[in-house]
Every structure is written in C-alpha cells, then in structure tokens.
C-alpha atoms as a PDB file:
ATOM      1  CA  MET A   1      -9.581   8.837 -19.947  1.00  0.00           C
ATOM      2  CA  ILE A   2      -7.782   6.619 -19.874  1.00  0.00           C
ATOM      3  CA  GLU A   3      -5.001   5.821 -22.383  1.00  0.00           C
ATOM      4  CA  GLY A   4      -2.553   2.759 -23.516  1.00  0.00           C
ATOM      5  CA  PRO A   5      -3.346  -0.705 -23.793  1.00  0.00           C
ATOM      6  CA  ARG A   6      -2.172  -1.667 -19.823  1.00  0.00           C
ATOM      7  CA  LEU A   7      -3.802   1.062 -18.134  1.00  0.00           C
ATOM      8  CA  LEU A   8      -7.191  -0.273 -20.114  1.00  0.00           C
ATOM      9  CA  ALA A   9      -6.133  -3.828 -19.571  1.00  0.00           C
ATOM     10  CA  GLU A  10      -6.113  -2.663 -15.601  1.00  0.00           C
ATOM     11  CA  ALA A  11      -9.547  -0.807 -15.860  1.00  0.00           C
ATOM     12  CA  LEU A  12     -11.075  -4.200 -17.204  1.00  0.00           C
ATOM     13  CA  ASP A  13      -9.538  -6.418 -14.605  1.00  0.00           C
ATOM     14  CA  ALA A  14     -10.925  -3.826 -12.261  1.00  0.00           C
ATOM     15  CA  SER A  15     -14.770  -3.861 -13.694  1.00  0.00           C
ATOM     16  CA  ILE A  16     -14.174  -0.487 -14.380  1.00  0.00           C
ATOM     17  CA  GLU A  17     -17.374   0.944 -16.467  1.00  0.00           C
ATOM     18  CA  LEU A  18     -16.565   1.960 -19.908  1.00  0.00           C
ATOM     19  CA  GLU A  19     -18.696   4.422 -21.669  1.00  0.00           C
ATOM     20  CA  ALA A  20     -16.370   3.906 -25.266  1.00  0.00           C
ATOM     21  CA  VAL A  21     -12.872   2.863 -26.245  1.00  0.00           C
ATOM     22  CA  TYR A  22     -10.810   3.998 -29.313  1.00  0.00           C
ATOM     23  CA  LEU A  23      -8.707   1.941 -31.263  1.00  0.00           C
ATOM     24  CA  GLU A  24      -6.082   2.603 -33.867  1.00  0.00           C
ATOM     25  CA  ALA A  25      -6.229   0.231 -36.550  1.00  0.00           C
ATOM     26  CA  ALA A  26      -2.514   0.156 -36.360  1.00  0.00           C
ATOM     27  CA  TYR A  27      -2.543  -1.316 -32.865  1.00  0.00           C
ATOM     28  CA  LEU A  28      -5.392  -3.623 -34.354  1.00  0.00           C
ATOM     29  CA  ASP A  29      -2.794  -4.860 -36.397  1.00  0.00           C
ATOM     30  CA  ARG A  30       0.015  -5.279 -34.493  1.00  0.00           C
ATOM     31  CA  GLY A  31      -2.286  -8.287 -32.255  1.00  0.00           C
ATOM     32  CA  ALA A  32      -1.384  -9.284 -28.625  1.00  0.00           C
ATOM     33  CA  PRO A  33      -1.424 -12.375 -26.677  1.00  0.00           C
ATOM     34  CA  VAL A  34      -4.715 -11.775 -25.451  1.00  0.00           C
ATOM     35  CA  PRO A  35      -5.969  -9.200 -28.231  1.00  0.00           C
ATOM     36  CA  LEU A  36      -7.751  -6.408 -26.552  1.00  0.00           C
ATOM     37  CA  ALA A  37     -10.539  -6.121 -28.906  1.00  0.00           C
ATOM     38  CA  GLU A  38     -11.763  -9.245 -28.078  1.00  0.00           C
ATOM     39  CA  ARG A  39     -11.354  -9.050 -24.246  1.00  0.00           C
ATOM     40  CA  LEU A  40     -13.600  -5.688 -24.641  1.00  0.00           C
ATOM     41  CA  THR A  41     -16.356  -7.396 -27.117  1.00  0.00           C
ATOM     42  CA  ALA A  42     -16.459 -10.205 -24.251  1.00  0.00           C
ATOM     43  CA  ALA A  43     -17.257  -7.360 -21.412  1.00  0.00           C
ATOM     44  CA  GLY A  44     -19.927  -6.267 -23.668  1.00  0.00           C
ATOM     45  CA  VAL A  45     -17.842  -2.679 -23.816  1.00  0.00           C
ATOM     46  CA  GLU A  46     -18.462  -0.874 -27.268  1.00  0.00           C
ATOM     47  CA  TRP A  47     -15.539  -0.159 -29.305  1.00  0.00           C
ATOM     48  CA  PHE A  48     -14.626   2.001 -32.264  1.00  0.00           C
ATOM     49  CA  THR A  49     -11.987   1.937 -34.940  1.00  0.00           C
ATOM     50  CA  VAL A  50     -10.357   5.247 -35.586  1.00  0.00           C
ATOM     51  CA  ALA A  51      -7.517   6.035 -37.856  1.00  0.00           C
ATOM     52  CA  ASP A  52      -3.841   5.865 -37.293  1.00  0.00           C
ATOM     53  CA  ASP A  53      -2.583   8.746 -35.208  1.00  0.00           C
ATOM     54  CA  ALA A  54      -5.828   9.790 -34.546  1.00  0.00           C
ATOM     55  CA  LEU A  55      -5.376   9.670 -31.023  1.00  0.00           C
ATOM     56  CA  ASP A  56      -2.127  11.995 -30.849  1.00  0.00           C
ATOM     57  CA  ARG A  57      -4.550  15.103 -31.470  1.00  0.00           C
ATOM     58  CA  ILE A  58      -7.104  14.301 -29.021  1.00  0.00           C
ATOM     59  CA  GLY A  59      -5.526  12.250 -26.252  1.00  0.00           C
ATOM     60  CA  ASP A  60      -3.453  13.965 -23.360  1.00  0.00           C
ATOM     61  CA  VAL A  61       0.180  12.101 -24.497  1.00  0.00           C
ATOM     62  CA  GLY A  62       2.166  13.513 -26.910  1.00  0.00           C
ATOM     63  CA  THR A  63       2.412   9.933 -29.021  1.00  0.00           C
ATOM     64  CA  SER A  64      -0.539   7.633 -28.547  1.00  0.00           C
ATOM     65  CA  GLN A  65      -0.223   3.821 -28.032  1.00  0.00           C
ATOM     66  CA  GLY A  66      -3.240   3.403 -30.226  1.00  0.00           C
ATOM     67  CA  VAL A  67      -5.856   2.988 -27.084  1.00  0.00           C
ATOM     68  CA  LEU A  68      -8.495   5.583 -25.596  1.00  0.00           C
ATOM     69  CA  ALA A  69     -11.073   4.888 -23.389  1.00  0.00           C
ATOM     70  CA  VAL A  70     -13.485   6.955 -21.747  1.00  0.00           C
ATOM     71  CA  ALA A  71     -13.965   5.439 -18.176  1.00  0.00           C
ATOM     72  CA  VAL A  72     -17.359   6.408 -15.535  1.00  0.00           C
ATOM     73  CA  SER A  73     -15.713   8.593 -13.013  1.00  0.00           C
ATOM     74  CA  PRO A  74     -15.096   6.387  -9.337  1.00  0.00           C
ATOM     75  CA  ASP A  75     -17.147   7.647  -6.416  1.00  0.00           C
ATOM     76  CA  LEU A  76     -15.023  10.425  -4.982  1.00  0.00           C
ATOM     77  CA  ASP A  77     -17.621  11.522  -1.790  1.00  0.00           C
ATOM     78  CA  ALA A  78     -18.197   8.225  -0.409  1.00  0.00           C
ATOM     79  CA  PRO A  79     -15.185   7.879   2.755  1.00  0.00           C
ATOM     80  CA  PRO A  80     -12.820   5.214   3.597  1.00  0.00           C
ATOM     81  CA  PRO A  81     -15.002   2.371   5.290  1.00  0.00           C
ATOM     82  CA  VAL A  82     -14.781   2.212   8.996  1.00  0.00           C
ATOM     83  CA  GLY A  83     -12.101  -0.391   9.729  1.00  0.00           C
ATOM     84  CA  THR A  84      -9.562   1.186   7.203  1.00  0.00           C
ATOM     85  CA  ASP A  85      -5.967   0.638   9.092  1.00  0.00           C
ATOM     86  CA  LEU A  86      -3.998   2.763   7.170  1.00  0.00           C
ATOM     87  CA  VAL A  87      -4.833   6.218   5.070  1.00  0.00           C
ATOM     88  CA  LEU A  88      -2.566   8.357   2.951  1.00  0.00           C
ATOM     89  CA  VAL A  89      -3.902  12.062   3.482  1.00  0.00           C
ATOM     90  CA  LEU A  90      -2.741  14.455   0.991  1.00  0.00           C
ATOM     91  CA  VAL A  91      -3.291  17.997   1.501  1.00  0.00           C
ATOM     92  CA  ASP A  92      -2.240  20.342  -1.204  1.00  0.00           C
ATOM     93  CA  VAL A  93      -0.140  18.017  -2.891  1.00  0.00           C
ATOM     94  CA  ALA A  94      -0.408  19.631  -5.885  1.00  0.00           C
ATOM     95  CA  ASP A  95       2.186  17.771  -8.511  1.00  0.00           C
ATOM     96  CA  PRO A  96      -0.073  15.110 -10.530  1.00  0.00           C
ATOM     97  CA  GLY A  97       3.442  12.715 -10.703  1.00  0.00           C
ATOM     98  CA  ASN A  98       3.214  12.688  -6.896  1.00  0.00           C
ATOM     99  CA  VAL A  99      -0.383  12.158  -6.794  1.00  0.00           C
ATOM    100  CA  GLY A 100      -0.250   9.321  -8.664  1.00  0.00           C
ATOM    101  CA  THR A 101       3.144   8.152  -6.835  1.00  0.00           C
ATOM    102  CA  LEU A 102       1.142   8.237  -3.455  1.00  0.00           C
ATOM    103  CA  LEU A 103      -2.101   6.243  -5.104  1.00  0.00           C
ATOM    104  CA  ARG A 104       0.274   3.302  -6.378  1.00  0.00           C
ATOM    105  CA  ALA A 105       2.014   3.292  -2.598  1.00  0.00           C
ATOM    106  CA  ALA A 106      -1.433   3.411  -1.305  1.00  0.00           C
ATOM    107  CA  ASP A 107      -2.159   0.258  -3.477  1.00  0.00           C
ATOM    108  CA  ALA A 108       0.931  -1.575  -2.627  1.00  0.00           C
ATOM    109  CA  THR A 109       0.336  -1.011   1.085  1.00  0.00           C
ATOM    110  CA  GLY A 110      -3.607  -1.412   1.142  1.00  0.00           C
ATOM    111  CA  ALA A 111      -4.087   2.054   1.876  1.00  0.00           C
ATOM    112  CA  ALA A 112      -6.928   4.403   1.333  1.00  0.00           C
ATOM    113  CA  VAL A 113      -6.549   7.755   0.435  1.00  0.00           C
ATOM    114  CA  VAL A 114      -8.073  11.209   1.094  1.00  0.00           C
ATOM    115  CA  LEU A 115      -7.491  14.155  -1.087  1.00  0.00           C
ATOM    116  CA  ALA A 116      -7.736  17.736   0.486  1.00  0.00           C
ATOM    117  CA  GLY A 117      -7.359  21.030  -0.683  1.00  0.00           C
ATOM    118  CA  ARG A 118      -5.465  22.072  -3.850  1.00  0.00           C
ATOM    119  CA  THR A 119      -4.521  18.549  -4.030  1.00  0.00           C
ATOM    120  CA  ALA A 120      -4.332  17.535  -8.185  1.00  0.00           C
ATOM    121  CA  ASP A 121      -7.646  16.829  -9.883  1.00  0.00           C
ATOM    122  CA  VAL A 122      -7.162  12.730  -9.358  1.00  0.00           C
ATOM    123  CA  LEU A 123      -9.144  12.095 -12.958  1.00  0.00           C
ATOM    124  CA  ALA A 124      -6.808  14.335 -14.772  1.00  0.00           C
ATOM    125  CA  PRO A 125      -4.303  12.273 -17.094  1.00  0.00           C
ATOM    126  CA  LYS A 126      -1.157  12.989 -15.574  1.00  0.00           C
ATOM    127  CA  VAL A 127      -2.269  11.398 -12.487  1.00  0.00           C
ATOM    128  CA  VAL A 128      -3.950   8.547 -14.054  1.00  0.00           C
ATOM    129  CA  ARG A 129      -1.194   7.505 -16.427  1.00  0.00           C
ATOM    130  CA  ALA A 130       1.605   7.958 -12.681  1.00  0.00           C
ATOM    131  CA  ALA A 131      -0.572   5.624 -10.693  1.00  0.00           C
ATOM    132  CA  ALA A 132      -0.378   3.208 -12.880  1.00  0.00           C
ATOM    133  CA  GLY A 133      -3.722   1.284 -12.701  1.00  0.00           C
ATOM    134  CA  ALA A 134      -3.874   2.093  -9.072  1.00  0.00           C
ATOM    135  CA  LEU A 135      -7.096   4.602  -9.096  1.00  0.00           C
ATOM    136  CA  ALA A 136      -9.006   1.519 -10.211  1.00  0.00           C
ATOM    137  CA  ARG A 137      -7.861  -0.654  -6.994  1.00  0.00           C
ATOM    138  CA  VAL A 138      -7.914   2.407  -3.794  1.00  0.00           C
ATOM    139  CA  THR A 139     -10.279   3.960  -2.175  1.00  0.00           C
ATOM    140  CA  VAL A 140      -9.947   7.581  -2.523  1.00  0.00           C
ATOM    141  CA  HIS A 141     -12.534  10.293  -1.349  1.00  0.00           C
ATOM    142  CA  GLU A 142     -11.927  14.022  -1.778  1.00  0.00           C
ATOM    143  CA  VAL A 143     -12.734  16.805   0.934  1.00  0.00           C
ATOM    144  CA  ALA A 144     -12.961  20.694   0.702  1.00  0.00           C
ATOM    145  CA  ASP A 145      -9.885  21.155   3.002  1.00  0.00           C
ATOM    146  CA  GLY A 146      -7.669  19.527   6.021  1.00  0.00           C
ATOM    147  CA  GLY A 147      -9.747  20.452   8.494  1.00  0.00           C
ATOM    148  CA  ALA A 148     -12.218  18.390   7.025  1.00  0.00           C
ATOM    149  CA  ALA A 149     -10.053  15.656   5.897  1.00  0.00           C
ATOM    150  CA  LEU A 150      -9.080  15.282   9.706  1.00  0.00           C
ATOM    151  CA  ASP A 151     -12.765  15.296  10.427  1.00  0.00           C
ATOM    152  CA  VAL A 152     -12.783  12.176   8.012  1.00  0.00           C
ATOM    153  CA  VAL A 153      -9.753  10.468   9.660  1.00  0.00           C
ATOM    154  CA  ALA A 154     -11.766  11.213  12.765  1.00  0.00           C
ATOM    155  CA  ALA A 155     -14.334   9.805  12.089  1.00  0.00           C
ATOM    156  CA  LEU A 156     -12.623   6.143  11.174  1.00  0.00           C
ATOM    157  CA  GLY A 157     -11.075   6.483  14.529  1.00  0.00           C
ATOM    158  CA  ALA A 158      -7.808   6.893  13.400  1.00  0.00           C
ATOM    159  CA  THR A 159      -4.661   8.030  14.853  1.00  0.00           C
ATOM    160  CA  SER A 160      -3.543  11.303  12.554  1.00  0.00           C
ATOM    161  CA  VAL A 161       0.594  11.000  12.330  1.00  0.00           C
ATOM    162  CA  GLY A 162       1.817  14.590  10.319  1.00  0.00           C
ATOM    163  CA  ALA A 163       4.903  14.624   7.910  1.00  0.00           C
ATOM    164  CA  VAL A 164       7.316  17.502   8.695  1.00  0.00           C
ATOM    165  CA  LEU A 165      10.677  18.284   7.828  1.00  0.00           C
ATOM    166  CA  ARG A 166      11.855  19.407  11.145  1.00  0.00           C
ATOM    167  CA  ALA A 167      11.108  19.108  14.791  1.00  0.00           C
ATOM    168  CA  GLY A 168       8.912  16.254  14.619  1.00  0.00           C
ATOM    169  CA  THR A 169       9.343  12.844  16.557  1.00  0.00           C
ATOM    170  CA  SER A 170      11.846  10.149  14.704  1.00  0.00           C
ATOM    171  CA  LEU A 171      10.012   7.926  12.539  1.00  0.00           C
ATOM    172  CA  ASP A 172      11.946   5.253  14.491  1.00  0.00           C
ATOM    173  CA  ASP A 173      10.177   5.947  17.399  1.00  0.00           C
ATOM    174  CA  LEU A 174       6.302   5.801  16.139  1.00  0.00           C
ATOM    175  CA  ASP A 175       5.321   2.795  17.786  1.00  0.00           C
ATOM    176  CA  ARG A 176       6.094   3.851  21.417  1.00  0.00           C
ATOM    177  CA  LEU A 177       3.874   6.853  20.500  1.00  0.00           C
ATOM    178  CA  VAL A 178       1.564   5.468  18.287  1.00  0.00           C
ATOM    179  CA  ASP A 179      -1.355   2.420  18.643  1.00  0.00           C
ATOM    180  CA  LEU A 180      -0.059   0.450  15.319  1.00  0.00           C
ATOM    181  CA  SER A 181      -2.287  -2.174  16.015  1.00  0.00           C
ATOM    182  CA  GLY A 182      -5.488   0.272  15.110  1.00  0.00           C
ATOM    183  CA  PRO A 183      -5.787   2.392  12.044  1.00  0.00           C
ATOM    184  CA  VAL A 184      -3.264   5.156  11.393  1.00  0.00           C
ATOM    185  CA  ALA A 185      -3.412   8.122   8.740  1.00  0.00           C
ATOM    186  CA  LEU A 186      -0.655   9.607   7.448  1.00  0.00           C
ATOM    187  CA  VAL A 187      -0.813  13.292   6.994  1.00  0.00           C
ATOM    188  CA  LEU A 188       1.070  14.748   3.979  1.00  0.00           C
ATOM    189  CA  GLY A 189       1.664  18.253   2.758  1.00  0.00           C
ATOM    190  CA  SER A 190       2.230  20.419  -0.496  1.00  0.00           C
ATOM    191  CA  GLU A 191       5.736  20.086  -1.853  1.00  0.00           C
ATOM    192  CA  SER A 192       6.569  23.853  -1.287  1.00  0.00           C
ATOM    193  CA  HIS A 193       5.238  24.476   1.984  1.00  0.00           C
ATOM    194  CA  GLY A 194       4.700  21.247   3.719  1.00  0.00           C
ATOM    195  CA  LEU A 195       1.337  20.683   6.201  1.00  0.00           C
ATOM    196  CA  ALA A 196       0.076  24.064   7.416  1.00  0.00           C
ATOM    197  CA  ALA A 197       0.054  25.279  10.797  1.00  0.00           C
ATOM    198  CA  ASP A 198      -3.679  24.728  11.534  1.00  0.00           C
ATOM    199  CA  VAL A 199      -3.393  21.035  10.300  1.00  0.00           C
ATOM    200  CA  ILE A 200      -0.469  20.295  12.174  1.00  0.00           C
ATOM    201  CA  ARG A 201      -1.985  21.688  15.280  1.00  0.00           C
ATOM    202  CA  ARG A 202      -4.825  18.908  15.274  1.00  0.00           C
ATOM    203  CA  VAL A 203      -2.748  15.894  14.079  1.00  0.00           C
ATOM    204  CA  ASP A 204      -2.224  13.270  16.946  1.00  0.00           C
ATOM    205  CA  GLN A 205       1.575  12.995  16.436  1.00  0.00           C
ATOM    206  CA  ILE A 206       3.992  14.504  14.074  1.00  0.00           C
ATOM    207  CA  VAL A 207       7.265  12.880  12.690  1.00  0.00           C
ATOM    208  CA  GLU A 208      10.371  13.332  10.590  1.00  0.00           C
ATOM    209  CA  ILE A 209      12.367  10.820   8.348  1.00  0.00           C
ATOM    210  CA  PRO A 210      15.659  10.268  10.087  1.00  0.00           C
ATOM    211  CA  MET A 211      17.890  11.649   7.307  1.00  0.00           C
ATOM    212  CA  PRO A 212      21.975  11.111   7.989  1.00  0.00           C
ATOM    213  CA  GLY A 213      22.983  12.607   4.536  1.00  0.00           C
ATOM    214  CA  ARG A 214      23.394  15.931   2.870  1.00  0.00           C
ATOM    215  CA  ALA A 215      20.053  16.205   1.405  1.00  0.00           C
ATOM    216  CA  GLU A 216      17.673  18.913   2.700  1.00  0.00           C
ATOM    217  CA  SER A 217      14.620  16.705   2.375  1.00  0.00           C
ATOM    218  CA  LEU A 218      12.664  14.307   0.370  1.00  0.00           C
ATOM    219  CA  ASN A 219      10.005  14.487  -2.680  1.00  0.00           C
ATOM    220  CA  VAL A 220       6.690  14.070  -0.515  1.00  0.00           C
ATOM    221  CA  ALA A 221       5.751  11.113  -3.049  1.00  0.00           C
ATOM    222  CA  MET A 222       8.952   9.223  -1.601  1.00  0.00           C
ATOM    223  CA  ALA A 223       8.733  10.363   1.755  1.00  0.00           C
ATOM    224  CA  GLY A 224       5.105   8.904   1.941  1.00  0.00           C
ATOM    225  CA  THR A 225       6.246   5.857   0.532  1.00  0.00           C
ATOM    226  CA  VAL A 226       8.627   5.578   3.419  1.00  0.00           C
ATOM    227  CA  LEU A 227       6.096   6.338   5.967  1.00  0.00           C
ATOM    228  CA  ALA A 228       3.708   3.882   4.643  1.00  0.00           C
ATOM    229  CA  PHE A 229       6.059   1.157   4.516  1.00  0.00           C
ATOM    230  CA  GLU A 230       7.709   1.923   7.904  1.00  0.00           C
ATOM    231  CA  VAL A 231       4.119   1.986   9.434  1.00  0.00           C
ATOM    232  CA  LEU A 232       3.708  -1.665   8.132  1.00  0.00           C
ATOM    233  CA  ARG A 233       7.438  -2.804   8.930  1.00  0.00           C
ATOM    234  CA  GLN A 234       6.834  -1.747  13.027  1.00  0.00           C
ATOM    235  CA  ARG A 235       2.812  -3.369  12.571  1.00  0.00           C
ATOM    236  CA  ARG A 236       4.851  -6.793  11.438  1.00  0.00           C
ATOM    237  CA  ALA A 237       7.570  -6.441  14.320  1.00  0.00           C
ATOM    238  CA  ILE A 238       5.091  -5.941  17.012  1.00  0.00           C
ATOM    239  CA  ASN A 239       2.730  -8.655  15.533  1.00  0.00           C
ATOM    240  CA  ARG A 240       5.851 -11.193  15.684  1.00  0.00           C
ATOM    241  CA  LEU A 241       6.954 -10.241  19.408  1.00  0.00           C
ATOM    242  CA  ASP A 242       3.227 -10.691  20.623  1.00  0.00           C
ATOM    243  CA  ALA A 243       3.153 -14.091  18.792  1.00  0.00           C
ATOM    244  CA  GLU A 244       6.506 -14.707  20.356  1.00  0.00           C
ATOM    245  CA  ARG A 245       5.605 -14.156  23.883  1.00  0.00           C
ATOM    246  CA  PRO A 246       3.598 -16.888  24.655  1.00  0.00           C
ATOM    247  CA  ALA A 247       6.064 -19.257  23.792  1.00  0.00           C
ATOM    248  CA  ARG A 248       8.845 -17.669  25.575  1.00  0.00           C
ATOM    249  CA  GLN A 249       6.696 -17.304  28.842  1.00  0.00           C
ATOM    250  CA  GLY A 250       5.229 -20.797  28.619  1.00  0.00           C
ATOM    251  CA  GLY A 251       9.337 -22.107  28.456  1.00  0.00           C
ATOM    252  CA  ARG A 252       9.776 -20.847  31.959  1.00  0.00           C
ATOM    253  CA  PRO A 253      10.386 -22.881  34.728  1.00  0.00           C
END
C-alpha cells in the first residue's frame, strides 16, 4: 500500500506496477503543477474518485493526504546480482522506522539490502513511508535468518563486516583490514541485542564506531548509515591515492 502523492509519484517514476489508485475528491480539487490524475491516465493506471475522508478510515495514517494506491509487491526472493559492491544486511531489526531509514541509506549509497530473521516487514505501511520512495529503487532480498543472509553474502563474494558496540576494530581502520575495492556487506543486528553470537562468529570482520562522547550507543539506523557512507569515503580515498601514485612516481628523477 502506497499513501500520499509523493510516494505515488516515486512509484510512477520507478514504473512500479499499480493495481489501483484512489483519489479523494478534495485532493483532485486542489490541483497540482502536474496533476497526478493525468499522470495515472497517461501511464494506463486505473484510478477511482472516492469521498472526502474515506481514506482516513482505510489507510494506515490518521489523516490521509487524499491519495492511496495498491501496488504489486516487489520480488523479494531474488538475491542481489553478483557484482553488487555494497550490501546492508539487517538481522532482527524490528522497528519499521529503522528499516525504512536504512532503505533510504541504501538508496543514497547505491547498496542492496538483505533482510533476515525478525526484521520488520518491508512492505508494512510504516516501512514504506519511512523509506520515502527508496523501496522503488533498492534491490531487497528476504531470507529466513542471519545464517542464510551470510550465505547470500558469501555467494556474492562479499566481505562481511559486522557492527558491534564494543570489542570491534575501529571503523577508522577498516580499509587496513578489509579489501574495500571488492564487495562489502555491512551486517547490522537488533536494536536491543545487536548481532547474535553465531552471526558474529561467521562474519569476516567486526567493527565499532568510535564515540568520544558520552552516548552509550547509536540508533541502528544511524549506525548503519554512518558505516555505509564511511565505506564509500574510504573507497574514494583509496582510489585517489591509486590515481595519484603513477603521477608521483613519474616525477621521480
């Protein structure tokens, strides 16, 4: 279920298959720079006008924006393609808001996402809203548990990096321990307990985020976002050094 004009526009941009769309009369009366109804008609999507406030009763949000659509679910059975260089693995991440935010982080960093265990339903309305359109663009794969998720990571030829609160290598030193030129999978655990011991034993490397302040921990969505962007930053730094090295060597006497 997709609620609101912004998410529906994202779905149209991504060519997501829509089964039906419902627009409240008051929404149609307000109009828009590019009327949504015209876009739907042009795309061959069937839409219906419903009474004002009708969507308040059948939608998930308390006060509807006057737009609700039913979309065909994405294929969650297909793993990320070989060659995917960054994957976020969510094991038992139960909060829908955190899952949606991590989908946005994946969208921003070009990552795929693997969901495992008791992770929140990626198609739940709260996840869809929190993802803010990312679900239309990110490859998402669901598996039974953390072990199955690591099997997917291994099949991709990716190095698995587990995020822990304590006793891990500093994230600052990740590029010294992991080949960031190849695929990397960042493995994140539940909000309350982190990664299970059996998952920690199987990952290739564990890291922690240095926190010089007084906070005991970061929200899992924030931590995953920091990790993903830091991997990309370290990759860029390595690529710059590799590009500069021939020039420096060429200038030697």
